[in-house]
Protein backbone atom coordinates (compact mmCIF):
# COMPACT_ATOMS: atom_id res chain seq x y z
CA MET A 1 21.91 -65.66 -214.71
CA ILE A 2 21.30 -64.72 -211.07
CA ALA A 3 24.45 -66.58 -210.02
CA ARG A 4 26.43 -64.59 -212.59
CA CYS A 5 24.98 -61.21 -211.56
CA ALA A 6 25.26 -61.81 -207.82
CA PHE A 7 28.42 -63.90 -207.44
CA SER A 8 30.15 -63.89 -210.86
CA ILE A 9 29.68 -67.67 -210.88
CA GLU A 10 29.37 -69.26 -214.31
CA SER A 11 26.64 -71.86 -213.86
CA ASP A 12 24.69 -73.94 -216.36
CA ALA A 13 21.68 -75.21 -214.45
CA THR A 14 20.34 -77.07 -217.49
CA SER A 15 23.34 -79.30 -218.13
CA ASN A 16 24.94 -79.23 -214.68
CA SER A 17 22.35 -79.25 -211.92
CA ASP A 18 24.81 -80.62 -209.33
CA GLN A 19 26.50 -77.30 -208.63
CA GLU A 20 26.24 -76.45 -204.94
CA ILE A 21 24.59 -73.06 -205.41
CA ILE A 22 21.94 -74.52 -207.76
CA LYS A 23 21.16 -77.41 -205.43
CA GLU A 24 20.80 -75.15 -202.40
CA ALA A 25 18.52 -72.77 -204.29
CA ARG A 26 16.25 -75.64 -205.30
CA ASN A 27 16.26 -77.01 -201.76
CA LEU A 28 15.31 -73.59 -200.44
CA PHE A 29 12.29 -73.23 -202.69
CA SER A 30 11.17 -76.82 -202.29
CA PHE A 31 11.05 -76.18 -198.53
CA PHE A 32 8.59 -73.31 -199.03
CA HIS A 33 6.57 -75.08 -201.72
CA PRO A 34 3.23 -76.22 -200.25
CA THR A 35 1.82 -79.53 -201.45
CA SER A 36 -1.60 -79.24 -199.80
CA TRP A 37 -3.96 -76.64 -198.35
CA LEU A 38 -2.78 -77.61 -194.87
CA ASP A 39 0.82 -76.77 -195.84
CA THR A 40 -0.39 -73.43 -197.17
CA LEU A 41 -2.21 -72.59 -193.95
CA ALA A 42 0.70 -73.77 -191.81
CA PHE A 43 2.97 -71.25 -193.55
CA THR A 44 0.69 -68.27 -194.28
CA VAL A 45 -1.23 -68.05 -190.98
CA PRO A 46 1.89 -67.55 -188.78
CA VAL A 47 3.47 -65.19 -191.31
CA PHE A 48 0.49 -62.84 -191.60
CA TYR A 49 -1.25 -63.22 -188.23
CA PHE A 50 1.36 -64.35 -185.70
CA PRO A 51 4.76 -63.07 -186.90
CA PHE A 52 6.04 -62.84 -183.32
CA ILE A 53 6.31 -66.64 -183.34
CA PHE A 54 9.45 -66.35 -185.47
CA LYS A 55 11.26 -64.76 -182.56
CA PHE A 56 11.19 -68.20 -180.94
CA VAL A 57 11.01 -70.56 -183.94
CA ASN A 58 13.46 -70.54 -186.84
CA PRO A 59 11.41 -70.80 -190.08
CA PHE A 60 14.35 -71.12 -192.45
CA PRO A 61 15.87 -74.37 -193.78
CA ASP A 62 19.59 -75.23 -193.76
CA SER A 63 19.86 -74.25 -197.43
CA MET A 64 19.26 -70.59 -196.48
CA TYR A 65 22.34 -70.62 -194.26
CA LYS A 66 24.39 -72.51 -196.83
CA LEU A 67 23.68 -69.73 -199.34
CA TRP A 68 24.77 -67.24 -196.67
CA ASN A 69 28.03 -69.19 -196.28
CA ILE A 70 28.61 -69.13 -200.05
CA THR A 71 28.33 -65.34 -200.03
CA ASP A 72 30.60 -65.08 -197.00
CA ASP A 73 33.22 -67.41 -198.50
CA ILE A 74 33.30 -65.45 -201.78
CA MET A 75 33.70 -62.16 -199.95
CA LYS A 76 36.52 -63.50 -197.76
CA LEU A 77 38.32 -65.00 -200.76
CA ARG A 78 38.13 -61.71 -202.64
CA GLU A 79 39.35 -59.76 -199.63
CA LYS A 80 42.30 -62.14 -199.36
CA ARG A 81 43.14 -61.66 -203.05
CA GLY A 82 42.49 -57.92 -203.01
CA VAL A 83 39.69 -58.22 -205.56
CA GLN A 84 36.27 -56.59 -205.25
CA GLY A 85 34.46 -57.04 -208.56
CA THR A 86 31.50 -55.19 -210.08
CA ASP A 87 28.76 -57.73 -209.30
CA PHE A 88 26.33 -57.65 -206.37
CA VAL A 89 28.86 -59.18 -203.97
CA GLY A 90 31.28 -56.44 -205.00
CA ARG A 91 28.68 -53.83 -204.05
CA LEU A 92 28.21 -55.52 -200.68
CA MET A 93 31.96 -55.42 -200.06
CA GLU A 94 31.94 -51.72 -200.91
CA LEU A 95 29.08 -51.18 -198.45
CA LYS A 96 30.98 -53.01 -195.71
CA LYS A 97 33.90 -50.62 -196.19
CA GLU A 98 31.59 -47.61 -196.01
CA VAL A 99 29.97 -48.85 -192.80
CA ALA A 100 33.39 -49.56 -191.27
CA SER A 101 34.60 -46.05 -192.09
CA SER A 102 31.49 -44.30 -190.71
CA PRO A 103 29.57 -46.68 -188.43
CA ASN A 104 27.68 -43.88 -186.68
CA ALA A 105 26.11 -42.45 -189.84
CA ASP A 106 22.30 -42.48 -189.67
CA HIS A 107 21.96 -44.79 -192.68
CA HIS A 108 24.59 -47.20 -191.29
CA LYS A 109 23.34 -47.70 -187.73
CA ALA A 110 21.23 -50.77 -188.49
CA LEU A 111 23.92 -52.41 -190.61
CA ASN A 112 26.55 -54.93 -189.58
CA ASP A 113 28.63 -57.57 -191.37
CA THR A 114 26.00 -60.28 -190.83
CA ASN A 115 23.17 -58.18 -192.26
CA ILE A 116 25.23 -57.08 -195.24
CA THR A 117 26.37 -60.61 -196.07
CA ALA A 118 22.78 -61.86 -195.78
CA GLN A 119 21.79 -59.60 -198.68
CA GLY A 120 23.65 -61.96 -201.03
CA THR A 121 21.27 -64.74 -199.97
CA VAL A 122 18.25 -62.43 -200.32
CA PHE A 123 19.34 -61.30 -203.79
CA PHE A 124 19.83 -64.84 -205.02
CA ALA A 125 16.68 -66.26 -203.40
CA ALA A 126 14.50 -63.36 -204.52
CA GLY A 127 15.79 -63.48 -208.07
CA TYR A 128 15.95 -67.25 -208.61
CA GLU A 129 12.26 -68.14 -208.93
CA THR A 130 10.96 -64.70 -209.90
CA THR A 131 13.31 -64.47 -212.88
CA ALA A 132 12.22 -67.89 -214.15
CA ASN A 133 8.54 -66.95 -213.77
CA THR A 134 9.05 -63.60 -215.48
CA LEU A 135 10.82 -65.16 -218.46
CA SER A 136 8.10 -67.80 -218.78
CA THR A 137 5.24 -65.29 -218.78
CA LEU A 138 7.15 -62.94 -221.10
CA CYS A 139 7.64 -65.75 -223.64
CA TYR A 140 3.93 -66.53 -223.45
CA GLU A 141 2.92 -62.90 -223.95
CA LEU A 142 5.23 -62.50 -226.95
CA ALA A 143 4.02 -65.80 -228.45
CA THR A 144 0.47 -64.44 -228.39
CA LYS A 145 1.57 -61.06 -229.81
CA PRO A 146 3.82 -61.84 -232.80
CA ASP A 147 3.88 -58.20 -233.94
CA LEU A 148 5.55 -57.15 -230.68
CA GLN A 149 7.85 -60.16 -230.83
CA ASP A 150 9.01 -59.10 -234.30
CA ARG A 151 9.59 -55.54 -233.12
CA ILE A 152 11.80 -56.75 -230.25
CA TYR A 153 13.65 -59.08 -232.62
CA GLU A 154 14.39 -56.22 -235.00
CA GLU A 155 15.57 -54.02 -232.12
CA VAL A 156 17.98 -56.71 -230.93
CA ARG A 157 19.28 -57.25 -234.49
CA GLU A 158 19.78 -53.53 -234.99
CA ILE A 159 21.72 -53.05 -231.75
CA VAL A 160 23.69 -56.29 -231.62
CA GLY A 161 23.91 -57.12 -235.31
CA ARG A 162 24.44 -60.54 -236.81
CA GLY A 163 27.02 -62.53 -234.88
CA GLY A 164 27.51 -59.75 -232.35
CA LYS A 165 27.81 -60.24 -228.62
CA ILE A 166 24.97 -59.47 -226.24
CA THR A 167 26.61 -57.35 -223.55
CA HIS A 168 25.31 -55.38 -220.59
CA GLU A 169 25.93 -52.16 -222.50
CA ALA A 170 24.00 -53.45 -225.53
CA ILE A 171 21.01 -54.52 -223.43
CA GLU A 172 20.84 -51.05 -221.87
CA LYS A 173 20.09 -49.66 -225.34
CA MET A 174 17.15 -52.04 -225.96
CA GLU A 175 14.39 -49.68 -224.85
CA PHE A 176 11.47 -51.58 -226.37
CA LEU A 177 12.64 -54.86 -224.84
CA GLU A 178 12.87 -53.12 -221.46
CA ALA A 179 9.36 -51.72 -221.92
CA ALA A 180 8.03 -55.20 -222.78
CA ILE A 181 9.61 -56.69 -219.65
CA GLN A 182 8.21 -53.92 -217.44
CA GLU A 183 4.72 -54.30 -218.92
CA ASN A 184 4.88 -58.06 -218.43
CA LEU A 185 5.82 -57.52 -214.78
CA ARG A 186 2.81 -55.23 -214.43
CA ILE A 187 0.42 -57.79 -215.95
CA ASN A 188 1.99 -60.97 -214.57
CA SER A 189 3.65 -60.00 -211.32
CA PRO A 190 5.72 -62.85 -209.82
CA LEU A 191 4.98 -61.44 -206.34
CA LEU A 192 1.58 -61.41 -204.67
CA VAL A 193 2.51 -59.40 -201.58
CA GLN A 194 4.74 -56.36 -201.08
CA ASN A 195 5.42 -55.70 -197.40
CA ARG A 196 7.83 -52.81 -197.79
CA VAL A 197 6.64 -49.36 -196.77
CA CYS A 198 7.48 -46.13 -198.58
CA MET A 199 8.98 -43.84 -195.92
CA LYS A 200 8.77 -40.59 -197.89
CA ASP A 201 6.88 -39.16 -200.86
CA CYS A 202 8.26 -40.18 -204.24
CA GLU A 203 7.26 -38.65 -207.59
CA VAL A 204 7.20 -41.50 -210.14
CA ILE A 205 6.04 -39.49 -213.16
CA GLU A 206 6.10 -35.70 -212.97
CA SER A 207 2.72 -34.30 -211.91
CA CYS A 208 1.05 -37.71 -212.43
CA TYR A 209 1.90 -40.41 -209.92
CA TYR A 210 3.10 -40.15 -206.35
CA LEU A 211 3.95 -42.70 -203.68
């Protein structure tokens, strides 16, 4: 699913696990998967207490750069064919054009081709494991709450109908399914740490919540 959204690549990881993008994603996560408490300390201590070390030591495996190359190759091929697409890579290509046309804009100063292309790797890596975890915990929550599962089932049947196709437009109309996914993410977050900083006040719900 992530491969389709990011790169428009039709992949079936269940029946064909030998695809390059699937193999590199698995290699990437196996590299960061600790097998003992020593492995955990070896990774977490430098990250949280001595981040300056990474200015001198490269912490990323070869698979990270291979995913970068996949993004770069797709973008170059599309540019050659005059195709952009509506997936994530297409958005990155659009951003590259915007930066090229106004490189001195305040919101473009920190961007270059390398940084933009790297976002394809970040999107795929960030969505690969987290999506699997989210779907697993969502299935568990719905299995323990059959009334909510039935309500989602009826919503899907009503919008898609019997034998209908599940499209992006159809999914956008499934409000209860979206609410169930968001609530599952609140209860069973796939991320333990959020290191991004809100740079300006943001009103989430009018007169209720602010960031």
